[in-house]
C-alpha atoms as a PDB file:
ATOM      1  CA  MET A   1       7.281 -48.626   9.191  1.00  0.00           C
ATOM      2  CA  SER A   2       4.888 -51.807   8.319  1.00  0.00           C
ATOM      3  CA  LEU A   3       6.912 -55.021   7.611  1.00  0.00           C
ATOM      4  CA  LEU A   4       4.407 -57.057   5.312  1.00  0.00           C
ATOM      5  CA  SER A   5       2.465 -55.879   2.751  1.00  0.00           C
ATOM      6  CA  PRO A   6      -1.619 -55.521   2.482  1.00  0.00           C
ATOM      7  CA  ASP A   7      -1.354 -58.641   0.548  1.00  0.00           C
ATOM      8  CA  VAL A   8       1.240 -60.994   2.375  1.00  0.00           C
ATOM      9  CA  ILE A   9      -1.069 -59.981   5.549  1.00  0.00           C
ATOM     10  CA  HIS A  10      -4.117 -61.026   3.434  1.00  0.00           C
ATOM     11  CA  ARG A  11      -2.506 -64.342   2.173  1.00  0.00           C
ATOM     12  CA  ILE A  12      -1.039 -65.323   5.934  1.00  0.00           C
ATOM     13  CA  ARG A  13      -4.551 -64.445   7.385  1.00  0.00           C
ATOM     14  CA  SER A  14      -5.987 -67.110   4.756  1.00  0.00           C
ATOM     15  CA  ALA A  15      -4.193 -69.432   4.812  1.00  0.00           C
ATOM     16  CA  LYS A  16      -4.827 -72.661   5.911  1.00  0.00           C
ATOM     17  CA  ASN A  17      -2.103 -74.328   7.250  1.00  0.00           C
ATOM     18  CA  ILE A  18       0.924 -72.674   8.142  1.00  0.00           C
ATOM     19  CA  LEU A  19       4.563 -74.262   8.989  1.00  0.00           C
ATOM     20  CA  PHE A  20       7.725 -73.095  10.728  1.00  0.00           C
ATOM     21  CA  LEU A  21      11.053 -74.277  10.315  1.00  0.00           C
ATOM     22  CA  THR A  22      13.199 -73.095  13.028  1.00  0.00           C
ATOM     23  CA  GLY A  23      17.045 -73.927  13.345  1.00  0.00           C
ATOM     24  CA  ALA A  24      19.816 -73.105  15.774  1.00  0.00           C
ATOM     25  CA  GLY A  25      19.393 -69.668  15.833  1.00  0.00           C
ATOM     26  CA  ILE A  26      16.355 -68.981  17.388  1.00  0.00           C
ATOM     27  CA  SER A  27      17.858 -70.580  20.586  1.00  0.00           C
ATOM     28  CA  SER A  28      21.192 -68.213  20.156  1.00  0.00           C
ATOM     29  CA  GLU A  29      19.018 -65.390  21.106  1.00  0.00           C
ATOM     30  CA  SER A  30      18.311 -67.575  24.451  1.00  0.00           C
ATOM     31  CA  GLY A  31      22.043 -68.113  25.242  1.00  0.00           C
ATOM     32  CA  ILE A  32      22.384 -71.518  24.332  1.00  0.00           C
ATOM     33  CA  PRO A  33      25.598 -71.740  22.415  1.00  0.00           C
ATOM     34  CA  THR A  34      25.221 -72.940  18.186  1.00  0.00           C
ATOM     35  CA  PHE A  35      28.595 -75.628  18.648  1.00  0.00           C
ATOM     36  CA  ARG A  36      29.534 -74.564  15.386  1.00  0.00           C
ATOM     37  CA  GLY A  37      32.789 -72.124  13.950  1.00  0.00           C
ATOM     38  CA  GLU A  38      35.414 -69.961  16.574  1.00  0.00           C
ATOM     39  CA  GLY A  39      34.472 -70.701  20.244  1.00  0.00           C
ATOM     40  CA  GLY A  40      32.121 -74.452  19.262  1.00  0.00           C
ATOM     41  CA  TYR A  41      34.989 -76.390  21.427  1.00  0.00           C
ATOM     42  CA  TRP A  42      34.234 -78.338  24.669  1.00  0.00           C
ATOM     43  CA  LYS A  43      37.318 -79.434  26.478  1.00  0.00           C
ATOM     44  CA  THR A  44      39.331 -79.984  23.363  1.00  0.00           C
ATOM     45  CA  PHE A  45      36.502 -81.933  21.427  1.00  0.00           C
ATOM     46  CA  LYS A  46      34.241 -80.101  18.347  1.00  0.00           C
ATOM     47  CA  ALA A  47      31.102 -81.082  18.220  1.00  0.00           C
ATOM     48  CA  GLU A  48      31.404 -83.207  15.007  1.00  0.00           C
ATOM     49  CA  GLU A  49      33.842 -85.199  17.108  1.00  0.00           C
ATOM     50  CA  LEU A  50      31.275 -86.614  19.848  1.00  0.00           C
ATOM     51  CA  ALA A  51      27.913 -86.736  18.341  1.00  0.00           C
ATOM     52  CA  THR A  52      28.609 -89.435  16.407  1.00  0.00           C
ATOM     53  CA  PRO A  53      27.666 -93.248  17.159  1.00  0.00           C
ATOM     54  CA  GLU A  54      31.532 -94.155  16.808  1.00  0.00           C
ATOM     55  CA  ALA A  55      32.395 -91.669  19.761  1.00  0.00           C
ATOM     56  CA  PHE A  56      29.463 -93.075  21.903  1.00  0.00           C
ATOM     57  CA  ALA A  57      30.660 -96.500  21.372  1.00  0.00           C
ATOM     58  CA  LYS A  58      34.666 -95.429  21.923  1.00  0.00           C
ATOM     59  CA  HIS A  59      33.908 -93.355  24.931  1.00  0.00           C
ATOM     60  CA  PRO A  60      30.247 -93.330  26.249  1.00  0.00           C
ATOM     61  CA  GLU A  61      31.540 -91.607  29.422  1.00  0.00           C
ATOM     62  CA  VAL A  62      32.870 -88.745  27.502  1.00  0.00           C
ATOM     63  CA  VAL A  63      29.920 -87.998  25.351  1.00  0.00           C
ATOM     64  CA  TRP A  64      27.681 -88.718  28.275  1.00  0.00           C
ATOM     65  CA  GLU A  65      29.617 -85.807  30.212  1.00  0.00           C
ATOM     66  CA  TRP A  66      29.184 -83.364  26.831  1.00  0.00           C
ATOM     67  CA  TYR A  67      25.631 -84.029  27.321  1.00  0.00           C
ATOM     68  CA  ASP A  68      24.881 -83.564  31.063  1.00  0.00           C
ATOM     69  CA  TRP A  69      26.993 -80.286  30.629  1.00  0.00           C
ATOM     70  CA  ARG A  70      24.943 -78.895  27.401  1.00  0.00           C
ATOM     71  CA  ARG A  71      21.806 -80.227  29.048  1.00  0.00           C
ATOM     72  CA  GLY A  72      22.454 -78.067  32.324  1.00  0.00           C
ATOM     73  CA  ILE A  73      22.919 -75.015  29.557  1.00  0.00           C
ATOM     74  CA  CYS A  74      19.407 -75.629  28.113  1.00  0.00           C
ATOM     75  CA  ARG A  75      17.761 -76.127  31.754  1.00  0.00           C
ATOM     76  CA  GLU A  76      18.927 -72.483  32.173  1.00  0.00           C
ATOM     77  CA  ALA A  77      17.643 -71.012  28.991  1.00  0.00           C
ATOM     78  CA  LYS A  78      14.668 -69.333  28.682  1.00  0.00           C
ATOM     79  CA  PRO A  79      12.179 -69.142  25.690  1.00  0.00           C
ATOM     80  CA  ASN A  80      12.421 -66.191  24.180  1.00  0.00           C
ATOM     81  CA  ASP A  81       9.760 -64.325  22.476  1.00  0.00           C
ATOM     82  CA  GLY A  82      10.395 -66.158  18.786  1.00  0.00           C
ATOM     83  CA  HIS A  83       9.933 -69.198  20.765  1.00  0.00           C
ATOM     84  CA  LEU A  84       6.557 -67.432  22.627  1.00  0.00           C
ATOM     85  CA  THR A  85       5.447 -66.099  19.054  1.00  0.00           C
ATOM     86  CA  ILE A  86       5.335 -69.665  17.283  1.00  0.00           C
ATOM     87  CA  ALA A  87       3.455 -71.083  20.542  1.00  0.00           C
ATOM     88  CA  LYS A  88       0.917 -68.061  20.753  1.00  0.00           C
ATOM     89  CA  TRP A  89       0.295 -68.599  17.213  1.00  0.00           C
ATOM     90  CA  GLN A  90      -0.147 -71.970  17.023  1.00  0.00           C
ATOM     91  CA  THR A  91      -2.737 -71.504  19.871  1.00  0.00           C
ATOM     92  CA  SER A  92      -5.116 -69.466  16.835  1.00  0.00           C
ATOM     93  CA  SER A  93      -4.964 -72.094  14.792  1.00  0.00           C
ATOM     94  CA  PRO A  94      -5.013 -76.085  14.534  1.00  0.00           C
ATOM     95  CA  THR A  95      -3.133 -75.910  11.321  1.00  0.00           C
ATOM     96  CA  VAL A  96       0.271 -74.130  12.113  1.00  0.00           C
ATOM     97  CA  ASN A  97       2.814 -76.919  12.377  1.00  0.00           C
ATOM     98  CA  LEU A  98       6.053 -76.643  13.621  1.00  0.00           C
ATOM     99  CA  ILE A  99       9.242 -78.548  12.607  1.00  0.00           C
ATOM    100  CA  THR A 100      12.841 -77.932  14.971  1.00  0.00           C
ATOM    101  CA  GLN A 101      16.227 -78.632  14.298  1.00  0.00           C
ATOM    102  CA  ASN A 102      16.801 -77.767  17.544  1.00  0.00           C
ATOM    103  CA  VAL A 103      17.578 -80.624  20.882  1.00  0.00           C
ATOM    104  CA  ASP A 104      17.290 -77.672  23.281  1.00  0.00           C
ATOM    105  CA  GLY A 105      13.099 -78.333  24.504  1.00  0.00           C
ATOM    106  CA  LEU A 106      12.523 -74.523  24.607  1.00  0.00           C
ATOM    107  CA  HIS A 107       9.999 -74.897  21.726  1.00  0.00           C
ATOM    108  CA  PRO A 108       7.611 -77.356  24.147  1.00  0.00           C
ATOM    109  CA  ARG A 109       8.436 -75.290  27.112  1.00  0.00           C
ATOM    110  CA  ALA A 110       7.281 -72.185  25.534  1.00  0.00           C
ATOM    111  CA  GLY A 111       4.066 -74.366  25.023  1.00  0.00           C
ATOM    112  CA  SER A 112       4.281 -75.524  20.944  1.00  0.00           C
ATOM    113  CA  ARG A 113       2.578 -78.417  20.736  1.00  0.00           C
ATOM    114  CA  ASN A 114       1.627 -79.702  16.778  1.00  0.00           C
ATOM    115  CA  LEU A 115       5.795 -79.834  17.071  1.00  0.00           C
ATOM    116  CA  LEU A 116       8.287 -82.419  15.391  1.00  0.00           C
ATOM    117  CA  GLU A 117      11.693 -82.251  16.840  1.00  0.00           C
ATOM    118  CA  ILE A 118      13.342 -84.246  13.800  1.00  0.00           C
ATOM    119  CA  HIS A 119      16.959 -83.838  15.371  1.00  0.00           C
ATOM    120  CA  GLY A 120      15.691 -85.429  18.393  1.00  0.00           C
ATOM    121  CA  ASN A 121      15.494 -84.079  22.312  1.00  0.00           C
ATOM    122  CA  ILE A 122      18.521 -83.111  24.588  1.00  0.00           C
ATOM    123  CA  PHE A 123      16.174 -84.104  27.530  1.00  0.00           C
ATOM    124  CA  ARG A 124      15.061 -87.689  26.576  1.00  0.00           C
ATOM    125  CA  ALA A 125      17.762 -91.303  25.692  1.00  0.00           C
ATOM    126  CA  ARG A 126      16.565 -94.349  24.428  1.00  0.00           C
ATOM    127  CA  CYS A 127      17.868 -97.561  24.975  1.00  0.00           C
ATOM    128  CA  THR A 128      20.578 -99.034  22.899  1.00  0.00           C
ATOM    129  CA  ASN A 129      19.140-102.448  23.197  1.00  0.00           C
ATOM    130  CA  CYS A 130      15.595-102.496  23.456  1.00  0.00           C
ATOM    131  CA  GLN A 131      14.825 -99.151  22.340  1.00  0.00           C
ATOM    132  CA  ALA A 132      13.420 -98.035  25.338  1.00  0.00           C
ATOM    133  CA  LYS A 133      12.743 -94.151  25.808  1.00  0.00           C
ATOM    134  CA  TYR A 134      13.467 -92.112  28.652  1.00  0.00           C
ATOM    135  CA  HIS A 135      12.804 -88.361  29.921  1.00  0.00           C
ATOM    136  CA  LEU A 136      15.770 -87.698  31.754  1.00  0.00           C
ATOM    137  CA  GLU A 137      14.516 -85.558  34.523  1.00  0.00           C
ATOM    138  CA  GLU A 138      10.846 -87.383  34.771  1.00  0.00           C
ATOM    139  CA  ASP A 139      12.671 -90.808  35.429  1.00  0.00           C
ATOM    140  CA  GLY A 140      15.349 -89.647  37.305  1.00  0.00           C
ATOM    141  CA  LEU A 141      18.121 -90.101  35.008  1.00  0.00           C
ATOM    142  CA  ASP A 142      19.740 -86.968  35.217  1.00  0.00           C
ATOM    143  CA  LYS A 143      22.332 -87.481  37.415  1.00  0.00           C
ATOM    144  CA  PRO A 144      25.725 -87.058  35.483  1.00  0.00           C
ATOM    145  CA  GLY A 145      27.465 -90.458  33.869  1.00  0.00           C
ATOM    146  CA  LEU A 146      26.314 -93.065  31.937  1.00  0.00           C
ATOM    147  CA  LYS A 147      22.475 -94.179  32.642  1.00  0.00           C
ATOM    148  CA  TYR A 148      21.284 -97.387  32.048  1.00  0.00           C
ATOM    149  CA  CYS A 149      17.682 -98.931  30.701  1.00  0.00           C
ATOM    150  CA  THR A 150      15.589 -99.898  33.562  1.00  0.00           C
ATOM    151  CA  ALA A 151      13.885-102.755  31.387  1.00  0.00           C
ATOM    152  CA  CYS A 152      16.971-104.566  30.051  1.00  0.00           C
ATOM    153  CA  GLU A 153      19.835-102.705  31.834  1.00  0.00           C
ATOM    154  CA  SER A 154      21.853-102.032  29.028  1.00  0.00           C
ATOM    155  CA  LEU A 155      23.334 -98.529  28.039  1.00  0.00           C
ATOM    156  CA  LEU A 156      21.393 -95.528  27.058  1.00  0.00           C
ATOM    157  CA  ARG A 157      21.735 -92.903  24.541  1.00  0.00           C
ATOM    158  CA  PRO A 158      21.010 -89.584  23.799  1.00  0.00           C
ATOM    159  CA  ASP A 159      18.068 -89.406  22.146  1.00  0.00           C
ATOM    160  CA  ILE A 160      19.541 -87.629  19.072  1.00  0.00           C
ATOM    161  CA  VAL A 161      20.276 -87.906  15.900  1.00  0.00           C
ATOM    162  CA  TRP A 162      23.761 -87.874  15.879  1.00  0.00           C
ATOM    163  CA  PHE A 163      26.238 -87.133  12.299  1.00  0.00           C
ATOM    164  CA  GLY A 164      25.784 -90.243  10.164  1.00  0.00           C
ATOM    165  CA  GLU A 165      22.891 -91.465  11.391  1.00  0.00           C
ATOM    166  CA  SER A 166      19.329 -91.271   9.498  1.00  0.00           C
ATOM    167  CA  TYR A 167      15.882 -89.169  10.534  1.00  0.00           C
ATOM    168  CA  ASP A 168      13.134 -90.940  12.232  1.00  0.00           C
ATOM    169  CA  ASN A 169      10.796 -92.209   9.222  1.00  0.00           C
ATOM    170  CA  ARG A 170       8.102 -91.278  11.175  1.00  0.00           C
ATOM    171  CA  LEU A 171       8.700 -88.009  12.089  1.00  0.00           C
ATOM    172  CA  LEU A 172      10.298 -87.498   8.510  1.00  0.00           C
ATOM    173  CA  THR A 173       6.883 -88.585   6.711  1.00  0.00           C
ATOM    174  CA  LYS A 174       5.085 -85.987   8.779  1.00  0.00           C
ATOM    175  CA  ALA A 175       7.424 -83.532   8.245  1.00  0.00           C
ATOM    176  CA  TRP A 176       7.451 -83.913   4.299  1.00  0.00           C
ATOM    177  CA  GLU A 177       3.414 -83.957   4.326  1.00  0.00           C
ATOM    178  CA  GLN A 178       2.989 -80.921   6.544  1.00  0.00           C
ATOM    179  CA  SER A 179       5.952 -78.603   3.759  1.00  0.00           C
ATOM    180  CA  LYS A 180       3.666 -80.307   1.065  1.00  0.00           C
ATOM    181  CA  ILE A 181       0.539 -78.371   1.565  1.00  0.00           C
ATOM    182  CA  ALA A 182       2.011 -75.424   3.397  1.00  0.00           C
ATOM    183  CA  HIS A 183       0.875 -72.137   2.443  1.00  0.00           C
ATOM    184  CA  VAL A 184       3.461 -69.693   4.332  1.00  0.00           C
ATOM    185  CA  VAL A 185       6.592 -71.120   5.661  1.00  0.00           C
ATOM    186  CA  PHE A 186       8.470 -69.422   7.954  1.00  0.00           C
ATOM    187  CA  VAL A 187      12.109 -69.899   7.787  1.00  0.00           C
ATOM    188  CA  ILE A 188      13.547 -68.972  11.005  1.00  0.00           C
ATOM    189  CA  GLY A 189      17.166 -69.262  12.418  1.00  0.00           C
ATOM    190  CA  THR A 190      18.608 -71.926  10.273  1.00  0.00           C
ATOM    191  CA  SER A 191      21.731 -71.845   8.303  1.00  0.00           C
ATOM    192  CA  ALA A 192      20.034 -73.976   5.777  1.00  0.00           C
ATOM    193  CA  ASN A 193      23.626 -76.216   5.338  1.00  0.00           C
ATOM    194  CA  VAL A 194      21.495 -78.969   6.599  1.00  0.00           C
ATOM    195  CA  SER A 195      19.822 -80.549   3.863  1.00  0.00           C
ATOM    196  CA  VAL A 196      16.664 -82.049   5.230  1.00  0.00           C
ATOM    197  CA  PRO A 197      15.280 -78.851   6.475  1.00  0.00           C
ATOM    198  CA  ALA A 198      16.487 -77.052   3.614  1.00  0.00           C
ATOM    199  CA  ASN A 199      14.614 -79.161   1.292  1.00  0.00           C
ATOM    200  CA  LEU A 200      11.482 -78.992   3.210  1.00  0.00           C
ATOM    201  CA  ALA A 201      11.490 -75.271   3.067  1.00  0.00           C
ATOM    202  CA  LEU A 202      12.173 -75.758  -0.644  1.00  0.00           C
ATOM    203  CA  THR A 203       9.124 -78.330  -1.168  1.00  0.00           C
ATOM    204  CA  ALA A 204       6.695 -75.691   0.693  1.00  0.00           C
ATOM    205  CA  ILE A 205       7.615 -72.995  -1.776  1.00  0.00           C
ATOM    206  CA  ARG A 206       8.056 -75.164  -4.946  1.00  0.00           C
ATOM    207  CA  ASN A 207       4.019 -76.201  -3.970  1.00  0.00           C
ATOM    208  CA  GLY A 208       3.217 -72.357  -3.809  1.00  0.00           C
ATOM    209  CA  ALA A 209       3.838 -71.404  -0.463  1.00  0.00           C
ATOM    210  CA  ILE A 210       5.135 -67.834   0.581  1.00  0.00           C
ATOM    211  CA  GLY A 211       8.693 -68.319   1.731  1.00  0.00           C
ATOM    212  CA  ILE A 212       9.272 -65.770   4.774  1.00  0.00           C
ATOM    213  CA  GLU A 213      12.916 -65.630   6.423  1.00  0.00           C
ATOM    214  CA  ILE A 214      14.253 -64.756   9.323  1.00  0.00           C
ATOM    215  CA  ASN A 215      18.134 -64.897   9.759  1.00  0.00           C
ATOM    216  CA  PRO A 216      20.787 -62.007  10.419  1.00  0.00           C
ATOM    217  CA  GLU A 217      22.749 -63.492   7.544  1.00  0.00           C
ATOM    218  CA  THR A 218      21.638 -64.831   4.415  1.00  0.00           C
ATOM    219  CA  THR A 219      21.651 -67.697   3.525  1.00  0.00           C
ATOM    220  CA  THR A 220      21.578 -70.602   0.474  1.00  0.00           C
ATOM    221  CA  LEU A 221      17.792 -70.087   0.941  1.00  0.00           C
ATOM    222  CA  THR A 222      17.305 -66.766   0.827  1.00  0.00           C
ATOM    223  CA  ALA A 223      17.292 -66.548  -3.137  1.00  0.00           C
ATOM    224  CA  SER A 224      14.688 -68.876  -3.146  1.00  0.00           C
ATOM    225  CA  ILE A 225      12.611 -67.171  -0.667  1.00  0.00           C
ATOM    226  CA  GLN A 226       9.764 -64.051  -1.127  1.00  0.00           C
ATOM    227  CA  LEU A 227      10.537 -62.252   2.001  1.00  0.00           C
ATOM    228  CA  HIS A 228      13.954 -61.960   3.700  1.00  0.00           C
ATOM    229  CA  PHE A 229      13.787 -60.489   7.322  1.00  0.00           C
ATOM    230  CA  GLY A 230      17.627 -59.493   8.717  1.00  0.00           C
ATOM    231  CA  GLY A 231      17.631 -59.845  12.111  1.00  0.00           C
ATOM    232  CA  LYS A 232      16.637 -61.460  15.264  1.00  0.00           C
ATOM    233  CA  ALA A 233      13.589 -63.644  15.599  1.00  0.00           C
ATOM    234  CA  GLY A 234      12.783 -62.528  18.957  1.00  0.00           C
ATOM    235  CA  GLU A 235      12.103 -59.071  17.470  1.00  0.00           C
ATOM    236  CA  ILE A 236      10.861 -59.217  13.863  1.00  0.00           C
ATOM    237  CA  LEU A 237       8.094 -62.317  14.700  1.00  0.00           C
ATOM    238  CA  PRO A 238       6.482 -60.395  17.522  1.00  0.00           C
ATOM    239  CA  GLU A 239       6.453 -57.747  14.953  1.00  0.00           C
ATOM    240  CA  ILE A 240       4.906 -59.951  12.497  1.00  0.00           C
ATOM    241  CA  TYR A 241       2.057 -61.431  14.365  1.00  0.00           C
ATOM    242  CA  LYS A 242       0.761 -57.955  15.615  1.00  0.00           C
ATOM    243  CA  GLU A 243       0.969 -57.178  11.667  1.00  0.00           C
ATOM    244  CA  VAL A 244      -1.366 -60.311  10.747  1.00  0.00           C
ATOM    245  CA  PHE A 245      -3.473 -60.087  14.052  1.00  0.00           C
ATOM    246  CA  PRO A 246      -3.778 -56.263  15.208  1.00  0.00           C
ATOM    247  CA  GLU A 247      -6.577 -57.268  17.735  1.00  0.00           C
ATOM    248  CA  SER A 248      -3.454 -59.087  19.592  1.00  0.00           C
ATOM    249  CA  ILE A 249      -2.231 -55.691  20.479  1.00  0.00           C
ATOM    250  CA  SER A 250      -4.860 -54.608  23.075  1.00  0.00           C
ATOM    251  CA  GLN A 251      -5.436 -57.891  24.406  1.00  0.00           C
END
């Protein structure tokens, strides 16, 4: 049984610009906790109590311990078929863009390149003084504990957008530009509770894009989406890819 109608397949194939928006759901399929709801504690803390500038100013060693622990989980996780299908789709066209809320680094490891990580990346850090950026593992700064800038010796912080902080305007401008020109927008594994990603999807749809949502649950976006698939991205997205690119099945 086909997931897509012939008309939708035609519109996806003929789309000049395709946009993928991904959230925590796609990474939970790889075993990465969402840190929300029941079981979302680390020791006695909730994520909302640690991922803030105030928490870092007060207890930087605790915040870094939490991020070191989370980074270990992300390092052990592997991209699933959802991540890999998006990367494969991107290799087929230079105008397939990806915007993710996730900080786990699974999209780059899957091979995605046209990628905006609007919430940052858990494998990066930046200086609290000179704003120099580091890749923790490549720059030899992945040992547990506090980390310091090699340029000015100031304290480093995770290169993450924390609760109460603003997005990087440069990344946000690119994200809005991509959403406005998209002819198809896939919304995958996002609860749509974060306003910016939800508004990016709505912007694309209001500008004429087909909206396709893959999520086990309905969200606040579902009513505005043309197609909702209730299930896992790692199972559904490869099937959609096969329908759009049937020649890939024999490859």
